[in-house]
Amino acid sequence: MNRKKIYLIAAIVCIMLPVLGVLYAIWDFHQPKTGPVGDGKFHFHIHEWIPFISTFLIGVLNLPRAIKLYRRRSEP
């Protein structure tokens, strides 16, 4: 597998990973919790959003470049 395919795959993973992480967090917040943990409300603080947003932006900003590099490689 060459570097351009890895670059394209990494950009797609950087887009999908935060989306799946946020969906998992929403699902986890809605699960009933017993004992001292309690039944928490769904809320994110800004320091919890920063990794999701930055990873998503890295993927979105790098995807067009990755597609352009992949197309340039595949042209005869």
PDB file of N, CA and C in Angstrom:
ATOM      1  N   MET A   1       0.858  -1.167   0.000  1.00  0.00           N
ATOM      2  CA  MET A   1       0.000   0.000   0.000  1.00  0.00           C
ATOM      3  C   MET A   1       0.910   1.237   0.000  1.00  0.00           C
ATOM      4  N   ASN A   2       0.650   2.132  -0.899  1.00  0.00           N
ATOM      5  CA  ASN A   2       1.525   3.295  -0.987  1.00  0.00           C
ATOM      6  C   ASN A   2       1.057   4.422  -0.063  1.00  0.00           C
ATOM      7  N   ARG A   3       1.869   5.457  -0.016  1.00  0.00           N
ATOM      8  CA  ARG A   3       1.650   6.551   0.927  1.00  0.00           C
ATOM      9  C   ARG A   3       0.370   7.319   0.627  1.00  0.00           C
ATOM     10  N   LYS A   4      -0.002   7.442  -0.636  1.00  0.00           N
ATOM     11  CA  LYS A   4      -1.192   8.219  -0.984  1.00  0.00           C
ATOM     12  C   LYS A   4      -2.478   7.517  -0.556  1.00  0.00           C
ATOM     13  N   LYS A   5      -2.499   6.192  -0.624  1.00  0.00           N
ATOM     14  CA  LYS A   5      -3.666   5.448  -0.140  1.00  0.00           C
ATOM     15  C   LYS A   5      -3.776   5.562   1.378  1.00  0.00           C
ATOM     16  N   ILE A   6      -2.641   5.498   2.056  1.00  0.00           N
ATOM     17  CA  ILE A   6      -2.652   5.630   3.505  1.00  0.00           C
ATOM     18  C   ILE A   6      -3.130   7.023   3.907  1.00  0.00           C
ATOM     19  N   TYR A   7      -2.716   8.040   3.166  1.00  0.00           N
ATOM     20  CA  TYR A   7      -3.141   9.417   3.429  1.00  0.00           C
ATOM     21  C   TYR A   7      -4.656   9.550   3.265  1.00  0.00           C
ATOM     22  N   LEU A   8      -5.210   8.935   2.240  1.00  0.00           N
ATOM     23  CA  LEU A   8      -6.650   8.970   2.009  1.00  0.00           C
ATOM     24  C   LEU A   8      -7.403   8.233   3.114  1.00  0.00           C
ATOM     25  N   ILE A   9      -6.925   7.071   3.482  1.00  0.00           N
ATOM     26  CA  ILE A   9      -7.568   6.295   4.545  1.00  0.00           C
ATOM     27  C   ILE A   9      -7.490   7.031   5.879  1.00  0.00           C
ATOM     28  N   ALA A  10      -6.353   7.656   6.167  1.00  0.00           N
ATOM     29  CA  ALA A  10      -6.208   8.401   7.419  1.00  0.00           C
ATOM     30  C   ALA A  10      -7.166   9.585   7.478  1.00  0.00           C
ATOM     31  N   ALA A  11      -7.388  10.262   6.352  1.00  0.00           N
ATOM     32  CA  ALA A  11      -8.327  11.379   6.335  1.00  0.00           C
ATOM     33  C   ALA A  11      -9.748  10.895   6.603  1.00  0.00           C
ATOM     34  N   ILE A  12     -10.123   9.766   6.034  1.00  0.00           N
ATOM     35  CA  ILE A  12     -11.463   9.218   6.262  1.00  0.00           C
ATOM     36  C   ILE A  12     -11.626   8.773   7.712  1.00  0.00           C
ATOM     37  N   VAL A  13     -10.595   8.166   8.274  1.00  0.00           N
ATOM     38  CA  VAL A  13     -10.652   7.738   9.676  1.00  0.00           C
ATOM     39  C   VAL A  13     -10.751   8.956  10.596  1.00  0.00           C
ATOM     40  N   CYS A  14     -10.051  10.034  10.273  1.00  0.00           N
ATOM     41  CA  CYS A  14     -10.125  11.250  11.087  1.00  0.00           C
ATOM     42  C   CYS A  14     -11.506  11.883  11.028  1.00  0.00           C
ATOM     43  N   ILE A  15     -12.267  11.613  10.004  1.00  0.00           N
ATOM     44  CA  ILE A  15     -13.636  12.115   9.938  1.00  0.00           C
ATOM     45  C   ILE A  15     -14.584  11.187  10.701  1.00  0.00           C
ATOM     46  N   MET A  16     -14.415   9.893  10.537  1.00  0.00           N
ATOM     47  CA  MET A  16     -15.349   8.941  11.133  1.00  0.00           C
ATOM     48  C   MET A  16     -15.151   8.744  12.641  1.00  0.00           C
ATOM     49  N   LEU A  17     -13.926   8.786  13.116  1.00  0.00           N
ATOM     50  CA  LEU A  17     -13.650   8.499  14.521  1.00  0.00           C
ATOM     51  C   LEU A  17     -14.348   9.464  15.482  1.00  0.00           C
ATOM     52  N   PRO A  18     -14.292  10.782  15.274  1.00  0.00           N
ATOM     53  CA  PRO A  18     -15.017  11.662  16.195  1.00  0.00           C
ATOM     54  C   PRO A  18     -16.534  11.494  16.125  1.00  0.00           C
ATOM     55  N   VAL A  19     -17.053  11.216  14.949  1.00  0.00           N
ATOM     56  CA  VAL A  19     -18.496  11.011  14.821  1.00  0.00           C
ATOM     57  C   VAL A  19     -18.917   9.793  15.632  1.00  0.00           C
ATOM     58  N   LEU A  20     -18.171   8.708  15.499  1.00  0.00           N
ATOM     59  CA  LEU A  20     -18.490   7.505  16.273  1.00  0.00           C
ATOM     60  C   LEU A  20     -18.280   7.732  17.765  1.00  0.00           C
ATOM     61  N   GLY A  21     -17.271   8.514  18.125  1.00  0.00           N
ATOM     62  CA  GLY A  21     -17.030   8.813  19.537  1.00  0.00           C
ATOM     63  C   GLY A  21     -18.153   9.613  20.158  1.00  0.00           C
ATOM     64  N   VAL A  22     -18.663  10.591  19.442  1.00  0.00           N
ATOM     65  CA  VAL A  22     -19.778  11.400  19.963  1.00  0.00           C
ATOM     66  C   VAL A  22     -21.050  10.556  20.054  1.00  0.00           C
ATOM     67  N   LEU A  23     -21.295   9.721  19.055  1.00  0.00           N
ATOM     68  CA  LEU A  23     -22.471   8.840  19.126  1.00  0.00           C
ATOM     69  C   LEU A  23     -22.369   7.878  20.303  1.00  0.00           C
ATOM     70  N   TYR A  24     -21.169   7.345  20.549  1.00  0.00           N
ATOM     71  CA  TYR A  24     -20.987   6.464  21.706  1.00  0.00           C
ATOM     72  C   TYR A  24     -21.197   7.223  23.011  1.00  0.00           C
ATOM     73  N   ALA A  25     -20.715   8.450  23.086  1.00  0.00           N
ATOM     74  CA  ALA A  25     -20.889   9.242  24.310  1.00  0.00           C
ATOM     75  C   ALA A  25     -22.357   9.540  24.565  1.00  0.00           C
ATOM     76  N   ILE A  26     -23.094   9.869  23.520  1.00  0.00           N
ATOM     77  CA  ILE A  26     -24.537  10.118  23.676  1.00  0.00           C
ATOM     78  C   ILE A  26     -25.238   8.851  24.146  1.00  0.00           C
ATOM     79  N   TRP A  27     -24.892   7.721  23.544  1.00  0.00           N
ATOM     80  CA  TRP A  27     -25.491   6.456  23.958  1.00  0.00           C
ATOM     81  C   TRP A  27     -25.148   6.149  25.409  1.00  0.00           C
ATOM     82  N   ASP A  28     -23.900   6.373  25.803  1.00  0.00           N
ATOM     83  CA  ASP A  28     -23.465   6.056  27.154  1.00  0.00           C
ATOM     84  C   ASP A  28     -24.144   6.955  28.188  1.00  0.00           C
ATOM     85  N   PHE A  29     -24.350   8.228  27.859  1.00  0.00           N
ATOM     86  CA  PHE A  29     -25.005   9.125  28.792  1.00  0.00           C
ATOM     87  C   PHE A  29     -26.460   8.744  29.026  1.00  0.00           C
ATOM     88  N   HIS A  30     -27.084   8.099  28.056  1.00  0.00           N
ATOM     89  CA  HIS A  30     -28.489   7.738  28.200  1.00  0.00           C
ATOM     90  C   HIS A  30     -28.697   6.366  28.828  1.00  0.00           C
ATOM     91  N   GLN A  31     -27.639   5.659  29.142  1.00  0.00           N
ATOM     92  CA  GLN A  31     -27.774   4.371  29.816  1.00  0.00           C
ATOM     93  C   GLN A  31     -28.031   4.606  31.300  1.00  0.00           C
ATOM     94  N   PRO A  32     -28.977   3.856  31.876  1.00  0.00           N
ATOM     95  CA  PRO A  32     -29.249   4.045  33.303  1.00  0.00           C
ATOM     96  C   PRO A  32     -28.052   3.587  34.145  1.00  0.00           C
ATOM     97  N   LYS A  33     -27.697   4.400  35.104  1.00  0.00           N
ATOM     98  CA  LYS A  33     -26.587   4.079  35.991  1.00  0.00           C
ATOM     99  C   LYS A  33     -27.119   3.981  37.409  1.00  0.00           C
ATOM    100  N   THR A  34     -26.627   3.014  38.126  1.00  0.00           N
ATOM    101  CA  THR A  34     -27.082   2.823  39.505  1.00  0.00           C
ATOM    102  C   THR A  34     -25.913   3.002  40.459  1.00  0.00           C
ATOM    103  N   GLY A  35     -26.232   3.181  41.708  1.00  0.00           N
ATOM    104  CA  GLY A  35     -25.196   3.313  42.719  1.00  0.00           C
ATOM    105  C   GLY A  35     -24.696   4.741  42.837  1.00  0.00           C
ATOM    106  N   PRO A  36     -23.456   4.900  43.280  1.00  0.00           N
ATOM    107  CA  PRO A  36     -22.936   6.239  43.521  1.00  0.00           C
ATOM    108  C   PRO A  36     -22.691   7.048  42.248  1.00  0.00           C
ATOM    109  N   VAL A  37     -22.729   6.382  41.087  1.00  0.00           N
ATOM    110  CA  VAL A  37     -22.505   7.095  39.830  1.00  0.00           C
ATOM    111  C   VAL A  37     -23.690   7.999  39.525  1.00  0.00           C
ATOM    112  N   GLY A  38     -24.875   7.521  39.813  1.00  0.00           N
ATOM    113  CA  GLY A  38     -26.081   8.320  39.586  1.00  0.00           C
ATOM    114  C   GLY A  38     -26.536   8.284  38.139  1.00  0.00           C
ATOM    115  N   ASP A  39     -27.579   9.023  37.856  1.00  0.00           N
ATOM    116  CA  ASP A  39     -28.148   9.083  36.521  1.00  0.00           C
ATOM    117  C   ASP A  39     -27.831  10.465  35.953  1.00  0.00           C
ATOM    118  N   GLY A  40     -26.698  10.565  35.262  1.00  0.00           N
ATOM    119  CA  GLY A  40     -26.209  11.859  34.797  1.00  0.00           C
ATOM    120  C   GLY A  40     -26.960  12.389  33.596  1.00  0.00           C
ATOM    121  N   LYS A  41     -26.874  13.670  33.430  1.00  0.00           N
ATOM    122  CA  LYS A  41     -27.456  14.329  32.268  1.00  0.00           C
ATOM    123  C   LYS A  41     -26.420  14.386  31.154  1.00  0.00           C
ATOM    124  N   PHE A  42     -26.881  14.505  29.915  1.00  0.00           N
ATOM    125  CA  PHE A  42     -25.980  14.581  28.768  1.00  0.00           C
ATOM    126  C   PHE A  42     -25.452  16.000  28.629  1.00  0.00           C
ATOM    127  N   HIS A  43     -24.167  16.159  28.807  1.00  0.00           N
ATOM    128  CA  HIS A  43     -23.539  17.456  28.582  1.00  0.00           C
ATOM    129  C   HIS A  43     -22.048  17.246  28.349  1.00  0.00           C
ATOM    130  N   PHE A  44     -21.508  18.054  27.472  1.00  0.00           N
ATOM    131  CA  PHE A  44     -20.078  18.073  27.193  1.00  0.00           C
ATOM    132  C   PHE A  44     -19.535  19.433  27.624  1.00  0.00           C
ATOM    133  N   HIS A  45     -18.356  19.418  28.184  1.00  0.00           N
ATOM    134  CA  HIS A  45     -17.651  20.657  28.470  1.00  0.00           C
ATOM    135  C   HIS A  45     -16.744  20.959  27.282  1.00  0.00           C
ATOM    136  N   ILE A  46     -16.260  22.187  27.207  1.00  0.00           N
ATOM    137  CA  ILE A  46     -15.465  22.602  26.050  1.00  0.00           C
ATOM    138  C   ILE A  46     -14.177  21.790  25.939  1.00  0.00           C
ATOM    139  N   HIS A  47     -13.570  21.430  27.041  1.00  0.00           N
ATOM    140  CA  HIS A  47     -12.340  20.655  26.974  1.00  0.00           C
ATOM    141  C   HIS A  47     -12.591  19.216  26.511  1.00  0.00           C
ATOM    142  N   GLU A  48     -13.807  18.748  26.561  1.00  0.00           N
ATOM    143  CA  GLU A  48     -14.144  17.431  26.027  1.00  0.00           C
ATOM    144  C   GLU A  48     -14.446  17.497  24.537  1.00  0.00           C
ATOM    145  N   TRP A  49     -14.904  18.656  24.033  1.00  0.00           N
ATOM    146  CA  TRP A  49     -15.223  18.824  22.613  1.00  0.00           C
ATOM    147  C   TRP A  49     -13.988  19.056  21.758  1.00  0.00           C
ATOM    148  N   ILE A  50     -12.936  19.648  22.334  1.00  0.00           N
ATOM    149  CA  ILE A  50     -11.761  20.038  21.552  1.00  0.00           C
ATOM    150  C   ILE A  50     -11.132  18.868  20.791  1.00  0.00           C
ATOM    151  N   PRO A  51     -10.896  17.692  21.389  1.00  0.00           N
ATOM    152  CA  PRO A  51     -10.313  16.601  20.607  1.00  0.00           C
ATOM    153  C   PRO A  51     -11.217  16.128  19.461  1.00  0.00           C
ATOM    154  N   PHE A  52     -12.522  16.087  19.699  1.00  0.00           N
ATOM    155  CA  PHE A  52     -13.445  15.655  18.649  1.00  0.00           C
ATOM    156  C   PHE A  52     -13.456  16.645  17.483  1.00  0.00           C
ATOM    157  N   ILE A  53     -13.555  17.915  17.800  1.00  0.00           N
ATOM    158  CA  ILE A  53     -13.632  18.937  16.759  1.00  0.00           C
ATOM    159  C   ILE A  53     -12.330  19.035  15.989  1.00  0.00           C
ATOM    160  N   SER A  54     -11.199  19.015  16.693  1.00  0.00           N
ATOM    161  CA  SER A  54      -9.915  19.154  15.999  1.00  0.00           C
ATOM    162  C   SER A  54      -9.624  17.957  15.107  1.00  0.00           C
ATOM    163  N   THR A  55      -9.924  16.751  15.566  1.00  0.00           N
ATOM    164  CA  THR A  55      -9.705  15.564  14.731  1.00  0.00           C
ATOM    165  C   THR A  55     -10.614  15.590  13.515  1.00  0.00           C
ATOM    166  N   PHE A  56     -11.867  15.992  13.698  1.00  0.00           N
ATOM    167  CA  PHE A  56     -12.802  16.081  12.582  1.00  0.00           C
ATOM    168  C   PHE A  56     -12.336  17.121  11.561  1.00  0.00           C
ATOM    169  N   LEU A  57     -11.880  18.274  12.045  1.00  0.00           N
ATOM    170  CA  LEU A  57     -11.402  19.317  11.135  1.00  0.00           C
ATOM    171  C   LEU A  57     -10.152  18.886  10.377  1.00  0.00           C
ATOM    172  N   ILE A  58      -9.260  18.180  11.034  1.00  0.00           N
ATOM    173  CA  ILE A  58      -8.066  17.668  10.352  1.00  0.00           C
ATOM    174  C   ILE A  58      -8.476  16.748   9.213  1.00  0.00           C
ATOM    175  N   GLY A  59      -9.441  15.864   9.465  1.00  0.00           N
ATOM    176  CA  GLY A  59      -9.899  14.956   8.416  1.00  0.00           C
ATOM    177  C   GLY A  59     -10.590  15.680   7.279  1.00  0.00           C
ATOM    178  N   VAL A  60     -11.449  16.642   7.615  1.00  0.00           N
ATOM    179  CA  VAL A  60     -12.189  17.370   6.580  1.00  0.00           C
ATOM    180  C   VAL A  60     -11.255  18.224   5.737  1.00  0.00           C
ATOM    181  N   LEU A  61     -10.286  18.861   6.365  1.00  0.00           N
ATOM    182  CA  LEU A  61      -9.375  19.712   5.617  1.00  0.00           C
ATOM    183  C   LEU A  61      -8.372  18.916   4.785  1.00  0.00           C
ATOM    184  N   ASN A  62      -8.035  17.712   5.204  1.00  0.00           N
ATOM    185  CA  ASN A  62      -7.067  16.908   4.464  1.00  0.00           C
ATOM    186  C   ASN A  62      -7.701  16.001   3.410  1.00  0.00           C
ATOM    187  N   LEU A  63      -8.995  15.772   3.483  1.00  0.00           N
ATOM    188  CA  LEU A  63      -9.636  14.870   2.525  1.00  0.00           C
ATOM    189  C   LEU A  63      -9.553  15.367   1.084  1.00  0.00           C
ATOM    190  N   PRO A  64      -9.830  16.636   0.783  1.00  0.00           N
ATOM    191  CA  PRO A  64      -9.696  17.071  -0.621  1.00  0.00           C
ATOM    192  C   PRO A  64      -8.272  16.922  -1.150  1.00  0.00           C
ATOM    193  N   ARG A  65      -7.288  17.209  -0.306  1.00  0.00           N
ATOM    194  CA  ARG A  65      -5.898  17.040  -0.735  1.00  0.00           C
ATOM    195  C   ARG A  65      -5.568  15.578  -0.972  1.00  0.00           C
ATOM    196  N   ALA A  66      -6.070  14.698  -0.115  1.00  0.00           N
ATOM    197  CA  ALA A  66      -5.812  13.277  -0.272  1.00  0.00           C
ATOM    198  C   ALA A  66      -6.454  12.750  -1.558  1.00  0.00           C
ATOM    199  N   ILE A  67      -7.666  13.218  -1.863  1.00  0.00           N
ATOM    200  CA  ILE A  67      -8.330  12.785  -3.096  1.00  0.00           C
ATOM    201  C   ILE A  67      -7.567  13.293  -4.309  1.00  0.00           C
ATOM    202  N   LYS A  68      -7.110  14.542  -4.247  1.00  0.00           N
ATOM    203  CA  LYS A  68      -6.353  15.107  -5.365  1.00  0.00           C
ATOM    204  C   LYS A  68      -5.047  14.342  -5.585  1.00  0.00           C
ATOM    205  N   LEU A  69      -4.345  14.016  -4.519  1.00  0.00           N
ATOM    206  CA  LEU A  69      -3.105  13.252  -4.655  1.00  0.00           C
ATOM    207  C   LEU A  69      -3.366  11.844  -5.193  1.00  0.00           C
ATOM    208  N   TYR A  70      -4.455  11.221  -4.743  1.00  0.00           N
ATOM    209  CA  TYR A  70      -4.777   9.873  -5.206  1.00  0.00           C
ATOM    210  C   TYR A  70      -5.146   9.885  -6.686  1.00  0.00           C
ATOM    211  N   ARG A  71      -5.922  10.876  -7.117  1.00  0.00           N
ATOM    212  CA  ARG A  71      -6.299  10.960  -8.537  1.00  0.00           C
ATOM    213  C   ARG A  71      -5.086  11.244  -9.416  1.00  0.00           C
ATOM    214  N   ARG A  72      -4.193  12.082  -8.961  1.00  0.00           N
ATOM    215  CA  ARG A  72      -2.998  12.408  -9.717  1.00  0.00           C
ATOM    216  C   ARG A  72      -2.117  11.160  -9.897  1.00  0.00           C
ATOM    217  N   ARG A  73      -2.079  10.309  -8.866  1.00  0.00           N
ATOM    218  CA  ARG A  73      -1.291   9.088  -8.944  1.00  0.00           C
ATOM    219  C   ARG A  73      -1.912   8.086  -9.905  1.00  0.00           C
ATOM    220  N   SER A  74      -3.236   8.014  -9.930  1.00  0.00           N
ATOM    221  CA  SER A  74      -3.911   6.980 -10.719  1.00  0.00           C
ATOM    222  C   SER A  74      -4.068   7.366 -12.196  1.00  0.00           C
ATOM    223  N   GLU A  75      -3.810   8.625 -12.548  1.00  0.00           N
ATOM    224  CA  GLU A  75      -3.917   9.001 -13.952  1.00  0.00           C
ATOM    225  C   GLU A  75      -2.723   8.449 -14.736  1.00  0.00           C
ATOM    226  N   PRO A  76      -2.970   8.042 -15.994  1.00  0.00           N
ATOM    227  CA  PRO A  76      -1.849   7.481 -16.779  1.00  0.00           C
ATOM    228  C   PRO A  76      -0.868   8.528 -17.251  1.00  0.00           C
TER     229      PRO A  76
END
